[in-house]
PDB file of N, CA and C in Angstrom:
ATOM      1  N   MET A   1     167.614 -75.428  84.033  1.00  0.00           N
ATOM      2  CA  MET A   1     168.734 -76.377  83.941  1.00  0.00           C
ATOM      3  C   MET A   1     169.916 -75.890  84.784  1.00  0.00           C
ATOM      4  N   SER A   2     170.116 -74.589  84.758  1.00  0.00           N
ATOM      5  CA  SER A   2     171.232 -74.015  85.541  1.00  0.00           C
ATOM      6  C   SER A   2     171.021 -74.290  87.032  1.00  0.00           C
ATOM      7  N   LEU A   3     169.779 -74.202  87.438  1.00  0.00           N
ATOM      8  CA  LEU A   3     169.463 -74.423  88.855  1.00  0.00           C
ATOM      9  C   LEU A   3     169.741 -75.875  89.240  1.00  0.00           C
ATOM     10  N   ASP A   4     169.413 -76.766  88.344  1.00  0.00           N
ATOM     11  CA  ASP A   4     169.638 -78.192  88.610  1.00  0.00           C
ATOM     12  C   ASP A   4     171.129 -78.460  88.813  1.00  0.00           C
ATOM     13  N   LEU A   5     171.929 -77.853  87.987  1.00  0.00           N
ATOM     14  CA  LEU A   5     173.379 -78.067  88.078  1.00  0.00           C
ATOM     15  C   LEU A   5     173.916 -77.470  89.380  1.00  0.00           C
ATOM     16  N   GLN A   6     173.404 -76.320  89.728  1.00  0.00           N
ATOM     17  CA  GLN A   6     173.867 -75.662  90.962  1.00  0.00           C
ATOM     18  C   GLN A   6     173.437 -76.452  92.195  1.00  0.00           C
ATOM     19  N   GLN A   7     172.300 -77.088  92.085  1.00  0.00           N
ATOM     20  CA  GLN A   7     171.797 -77.857  93.241  1.00  0.00           C
ATOM     21  C   GLN A   7     172.597 -79.145  93.403  1.00  0.00           C
ATOM     22  N   GLN A   8     173.080 -79.664  92.292  1.00  0.00           N
ATOM     23  CA  GLN A   8     173.848 -80.915  92.355  1.00  0.00           C
ATOM     24  C   GLN A   8     175.258 -80.648  92.893  1.00  0.00           C
ATOM     25  N   LYS A   9     175.769 -79.475  92.603  1.00  0.00           N
ATOM     26  CA  LYS A   9     177.133 -79.130  93.066  1.00  0.00           C
ATOM     27  C   LYS A   9     177.215 -79.158  94.600  1.00  0.00           C
ATOM     28  N   PRO A  10     176.336 -78.456  95.266  1.00  0.00           N
ATOM     29  CA  PRO A  10     176.342 -78.440  96.732  1.00  0.00           C
ATOM     30  C   PRO A  10     176.062 -79.824  97.310  1.00  0.00           C
ATOM     31  N   ASN A  11     175.258 -80.577  96.593  1.00  0.00           N
ATOM     32  CA  ASN A  11     174.918 -81.920  97.065  1.00  0.00           C
ATOM     33  C   ASN A  11     176.185 -82.771  97.165  1.00  0.00           C
ATOM     34  N   VAL A  12     177.007 -82.688  96.156  1.00  0.00           N
ATOM     35  CA  VAL A  12     178.255 -83.473  96.143  1.00  0.00           C
ATOM     36  C   VAL A  12     179.181 -82.981  97.247  1.00  0.00           C
ATOM     37  N   ASN A  13     179.199 -81.689  97.443  1.00  0.00           N
ATOM     38  CA  ASN A  13     180.051 -81.109  98.493  1.00  0.00           C
ATOM     39  C   ASN A  13     179.593 -81.590  99.869  1.00  0.00           C
ATOM     40  N   VAL A  14     178.317 -81.623 100.050  1.00  0.00           N
ATOM     41  CA  VAL A  14     177.764 -82.061 101.340  1.00  0.00           C
ATOM     42  C   VAL A  14     178.107 -83.534 101.578  1.00  0.00           C
ATOM     43  N   SER A  15     178.035 -84.310 100.524  1.00  0.00           N
ATOM     44  CA  SER A  15     178.349 -85.750 100.646  1.00  0.00           C
ATOM     45  C   SER A  15     179.810 -85.919 101.087  1.00  0.00           C
ATOM     46  N   SER A  16     180.672 -85.140 100.502  1.00  0.00           N
ATOM     47  CA  SER A  16     182.106 -85.225 100.832  1.00  0.00           C
ATOM     48  C   SER A  16     182.321 -84.811 102.287  1.00  0.00           C
ATOM     49  N   HIS A  17     181.639 -83.770 102.685  1.00  0.00           N
ATOM     50  CA  HIS A  17     181.782 -83.280 104.065  1.00  0.00           C
ATOM     51  C   HIS A  17     181.254 -84.310 105.054  1.00  0.00           C
ATOM     52  N   LYS A  18     180.163 -84.932 104.683  1.00  0.00           N
ATOM     53  CA  LYS A  18     179.551 -85.928 105.582  1.00  0.00           C
ATOM     54  C   LYS A  18     180.508 -87.119 105.729  1.00  0.00           C
ATOM     55  N   LEU A  19     181.119 -87.486 104.661  1.00  0.00           N
ATOM     56  CA  LEU A  19     182.050 -88.634 104.694  1.00  0.00           C
ATOM     57  C   LEU A  19     183.242 -88.288 105.589  1.00  0.00           C
ATOM     58  N   ARG A  20     183.705 -87.076 105.489  1.00  0.00           N
ATOM     59  CA  ARG A  20     184.873 -86.646 106.282  1.00  0.00           C
ATOM     60  C   ARG A  20     184.466 -86.550 107.760  1.00  0.00           C
ATOM     61  N   ASP A  21     183.275 -86.091 107.984  1.00  0.00           N
ATOM     62  CA  ASP A  21     182.791 -85.963 109.366  1.00  0.00           C
ATOM     63  C   ASP A  21     182.688 -87.341 110.019  1.00  0.00           C
ATOM     64  N   ASN A  22     182.262 -88.284 109.229  1.00  0.00           N
ATOM     65  CA  ASN A  22     182.107 -89.639 109.748  1.00  0.00           C
ATOM     66  C   ASN A  22     183.499 -90.200 109.996  1.00  0.00           C
TER      67      ASN A  22
END
């Protein structure tokens, strides 16, 4: 479960970065 949460955290960060890059 801890891994799932950690994987979701970076995912959200990447989404934010992608939006800013665009």
